[in-house]
Amino acid sequence: MADNGQDARDDSGRHGPGAFIAAAILVGVGILFLLQNLGYAIPTNLWSLLLLIPAAFSLAGLWRKYQANGGRFGPGMGGSLVTALILIGLTVVFLFDVDINWGLFWPVLLIVIGVVVLLQSLARR
C-alpha cells in the first residue's frame, strides 16, 4: 500500500475547546489540593470537581454539533446537554454538601432522561 505522505490524524497541534477546559479544570483542582496540603481550609469534597472534566467534554461536543448545525439546536444535542447538566448538578450537590432527597432525585432524573430520549426520537421522525 502506497503512502501518499498524509497521515490520517491531525498533527496541527490544535485541540478543541474541551482540551483547554479540561486542562484548566485539572490545574484548578491541583491548586486546590496544594492549598489544602499547605494547611488552608478547603472543602473536603474536592473530588467532586473531577466530575467537571467529562461535563466539559460533553459541552465541547455539544458546541461542535451546534456550530456544525449552523448555530441552531438540533438532533443529537439534547443528550450532551443533559449529560453536562447532570454532571454539573452533581458537582454542586457533592461540593457544597447540599441535602438532597435521593429517593426522589433518581426517579426524577430517570424521567427527565426518558423524556429527552423520547423527544429526540420524535424529532427524527
Protein backbone atom coordinates (compact mmCIF):
# COMPACT_ATOMS: atom_id res chain seq x y z
CA MET A 1 0.00 0.00 0.00
CA ALA A 2 1.49 3.33 -1.01
CA ASP A 3 1.87 6.13 1.48
CA ASN A 4 0.86 9.46 -0.01
CA GLY A 5 2.53 11.40 2.81
CA GLN A 6 -0.70 12.31 4.54
CA ASP A 7 -1.28 10.97 7.99
CA ALA A 8 -4.82 10.02 8.98
CA ARG A 9 -4.64 12.06 12.17
CA ASP A 10 -4.41 15.80 12.56
CA ASP A 11 -0.92 16.83 13.70
CA SER A 12 -1.56 20.56 13.54
CA GLY A 13 -1.30 20.80 17.32
CA ARG A 14 -4.78 22.27 17.60
CA HIS A 15 -7.21 20.86 20.11
CA GLY A 16 -10.85 21.67 20.63
CA PRO A 17 -12.19 23.79 23.47
CA GLY A 18 -12.70 20.63 25.54
CA ALA A 19 -8.95 20.12 25.91
CA PHE A 20 -8.48 23.69 27.14
CA ILE A 21 -11.37 23.42 29.59
CA ALA A 22 -10.20 20.06 30.91
CA ALA A 23 -6.65 21.36 31.35
CA ALA A 24 -7.90 24.45 33.19
CA ILE A 25 -10.01 22.27 35.48
CA LEU A 26 -7.04 19.99 36.22
CA VAL A 27 -4.83 22.99 37.04
CA GLY A 28 -7.55 24.42 39.30
CA VAL A 29 -8.06 21.11 41.11
CA GLY A 30 -4.29 20.78 41.55
CA ILE A 31 -4.08 24.25 43.07
CA LEU A 32 -6.91 23.46 45.47
CA PHE A 33 -5.25 20.21 46.56
CA LEU A 34 -1.94 22.06 47.04
CA LEU A 35 -3.62 24.73 49.17
CA GLN A 36 -5.30 22.03 51.24
CA ASN A 37 -1.96 20.25 51.78
CA LEU A 38 -0.41 23.56 52.84
CA GLY A 39 -2.98 23.86 55.62
CA TYR A 40 -5.60 26.18 54.14
CA ALA A 41 -9.23 25.37 54.93
CA ILE A 42 -10.65 23.87 51.74
CA PRO A 43 -13.91 21.88 51.45
CA THR A 44 -13.32 18.14 51.78
CA ASN A 45 -15.46 17.19 48.80
CA LEU A 46 -12.99 18.41 46.19
CA TRP A 47 -13.10 15.04 44.40
CA SER A 48 -16.49 16.17 43.05
CA LEU A 49 -14.69 18.74 40.88
CA LEU A 50 -13.42 15.84 38.79
CA LEU A 51 -17.00 15.42 37.52
CA LEU A 52 -16.50 18.69 35.66
CA ILE A 53 -13.98 17.09 33.29
CA PRO A 54 -16.46 14.83 31.45
CA ALA A 55 -19.02 17.66 31.69
CA ALA A 56 -16.55 19.93 29.86
CA PHE A 57 -16.04 17.35 27.12
CA SER A 58 -19.80 16.91 26.80
CA LEU A 59 -20.27 20.67 26.45
CA ALA A 60 -17.43 20.87 23.92
CA GLY A 61 -19.09 18.15 21.84
CA LEU A 62 -22.38 19.99 22.09
CA TRP A 63 -20.69 23.19 20.91
CA ARG A 64 -19.15 21.43 17.89
CA LYS A 65 -22.55 19.96 16.94
CA TYR A 66 -24.17 23.37 17.42
CA GLN A 67 -21.66 25.05 15.12
CA ALA A 68 -21.92 22.26 12.53
CA ASN A 69 -25.71 22.69 12.53
CA GLY A 70 -25.44 26.36 11.56
CA GLY A 71 -25.81 27.79 15.05
CA ARG A 72 -29.09 26.02 15.78
CA PHE A 73 -30.04 23.45 18.36
CA GLY A 74 -30.80 20.19 16.59
CA PRO A 75 -30.91 16.40 16.75
CA GLY A 76 -28.29 14.69 18.86
CA MET A 77 -27.56 17.70 21.04
CA GLY A 78 -30.01 17.02 23.85
CA GLY A 79 -28.05 14.07 25.21
CA SER A 80 -24.85 16.08 25.50
CA LEU A 81 -26.68 18.93 27.18
CA VAL A 82 -28.47 16.69 29.69
CA THR A 83 -25.23 14.82 30.47
CA ALA A 84 -23.36 18.07 31.14
CA LEU A 85 -26.18 19.49 33.28
CA ILE A 86 -26.41 16.31 35.36
CA LEU A 87 -22.67 16.24 35.97
CA ILE A 88 -22.55 19.93 36.85
CA GLY A 89 -25.54 19.49 39.16
CA LEU A 90 -23.95 16.52 40.91
CA THR A 91 -20.73 18.51 41.32
CA VAL A 92 -22.64 21.32 43.05
CA VAL A 93 -24.54 18.85 45.26
CA PHE A 94 -21.41 17.00 46.39
CA LEU A 95 -19.09 20.00 46.64
CA PHE A 96 -21.41 22.11 48.77
CA ASP A 97 -22.90 19.13 50.62
CA VAL A 98 -26.46 20.00 49.55
CA ASP A 99 -29.05 17.89 51.31
CA ILE A 100 -30.90 16.00 48.56
CA ASN A 101 -33.73 13.52 48.90
CA TRP A 102 -32.01 10.83 46.78
CA GLY A 103 -35.15 8.68 46.84
CA LEU A 104 -36.88 11.46 44.89
CA PHE A 105 -33.91 12.65 42.84
CA TRP A 106 -33.03 9.44 40.98
CA PRO A 107 -36.57 8.66 39.74
CA VAL A 108 -36.98 12.26 38.55
CA LEU A 109 -33.60 12.05 36.82
CA LEU A 110 -34.65 8.85 35.04
CA ILE A 111 -37.90 10.51 33.94
CA VAL A 112 -36.02 13.54 32.56
CA ILE A 113 -33.60 11.31 30.64
CA GLY A 114 -36.50 9.28 29.27
CA VAL A 115 -38.35 12.41 28.14
CA VAL A 116 -35.22 13.71 26.37
CA VAL A 117 -34.78 10.38 24.57
CA LEU A 118 -38.46 10.37 23.57
CA LEU A 119 -38.28 13.94 22.26
CA GLN A 120 -35.16 13.13 20.25
CA SER A 121 -36.79 10.06 18.71
CA LEU A 122 -39.92 12.08 17.83
CA ALA A 123 -37.79 14.83 16.29
CA ARG A 124 -36.14 12.31 13.97
CA ARG A 125 -39.47 11.13 12.53
